[in-house]
Amino acid sequence: MTLENKPGVTDAAELARAEELFSKKRALGLFEDGILENLQPEPPNT
């Protein structure tokens, strides 16, 4: 999935770092809000 370039970064490496930072902040928010603890695992595909 490609994120929209909201910060307006034109350098590919800097954009990758910005996307990584955004992703980590979002994951931390999900963890802190307890959302990850309420998820149920999907059954394996057989």
Protein backbone atom coordinates (compact mmCIF):
# COMPACT_ATOMS: atom_id res chain seq x y z
CA MET A 1 0.00 0.00 0.00
CA THR A 2 1.38 3.39 -0.96
CA LEU A 3 0.73 6.37 1.29
CA GLU A 4 -0.05 9.80 -0.07
CA ASN A 5 2.96 12.15 0.07
CA LYS A 6 1.35 14.56 2.55
CA PRO A 7 4.59 16.12 3.86
CA GLY A 8 5.57 17.07 0.30
CA VAL A 9 8.93 15.28 0.48
CA THR A 10 10.57 14.83 -2.92
CA ASP A 11 13.58 12.71 -1.88
CA ALA A 12 12.68 9.00 -1.97
CA ALA A 13 14.82 8.10 1.04
CA GLU A 14 13.40 10.91 3.16
CA LEU A 15 9.86 9.95 2.13
CA ALA A 16 10.54 6.34 3.16
CA ARG A 17 11.75 7.55 6.57
CA ALA A 18 8.66 9.75 6.99
CA GLU A 19 6.36 6.84 6.08
CA GLU A 20 8.19 4.54 8.51
CA LEU A 21 7.86 7.09 11.31
CA PHE A 22 4.14 7.52 10.60
CA SER A 23 3.65 3.74 10.61
CA LYS A 24 5.46 3.32 13.93
CA LYS A 25 3.46 6.15 15.54
CA ARG A 26 0.21 4.57 14.35
CA ALA A 27 1.23 1.15 15.69
CA LEU A 28 2.16 2.70 19.04
CA GLY A 29 -1.23 4.40 19.20
CA LEU A 30 -3.01 1.10 18.55
CA PHE A 31 -0.96 -0.54 21.30
CA GLU A 32 -1.50 2.26 23.83
CA ASP A 33 -5.25 2.36 23.16
CA GLY A 34 -5.52 -1.40 23.80
CA ILE A 35 -6.91 -2.12 20.35
CA LEU A 36 -4.32 -4.81 19.61
CA GLU A 37 -5.27 -6.74 22.74
CA ASN A 38 -8.87 -7.11 21.53
CA LEU A 39 -8.04 -8.61 18.13
CA GLN A 40 -8.82 -12.27 17.54
CA PRO A 41 -6.50 -14.37 15.38
CA GLU A 42 -7.89 -15.66 12.11
CA PRO A 43 -8.12 -19.43 11.73
CA PRO A 44 -5.44 -20.92 9.49
CA ASN A 45 -6.31 -21.58 5.85
CA THR A 46 -6.26 -25.29 5.14
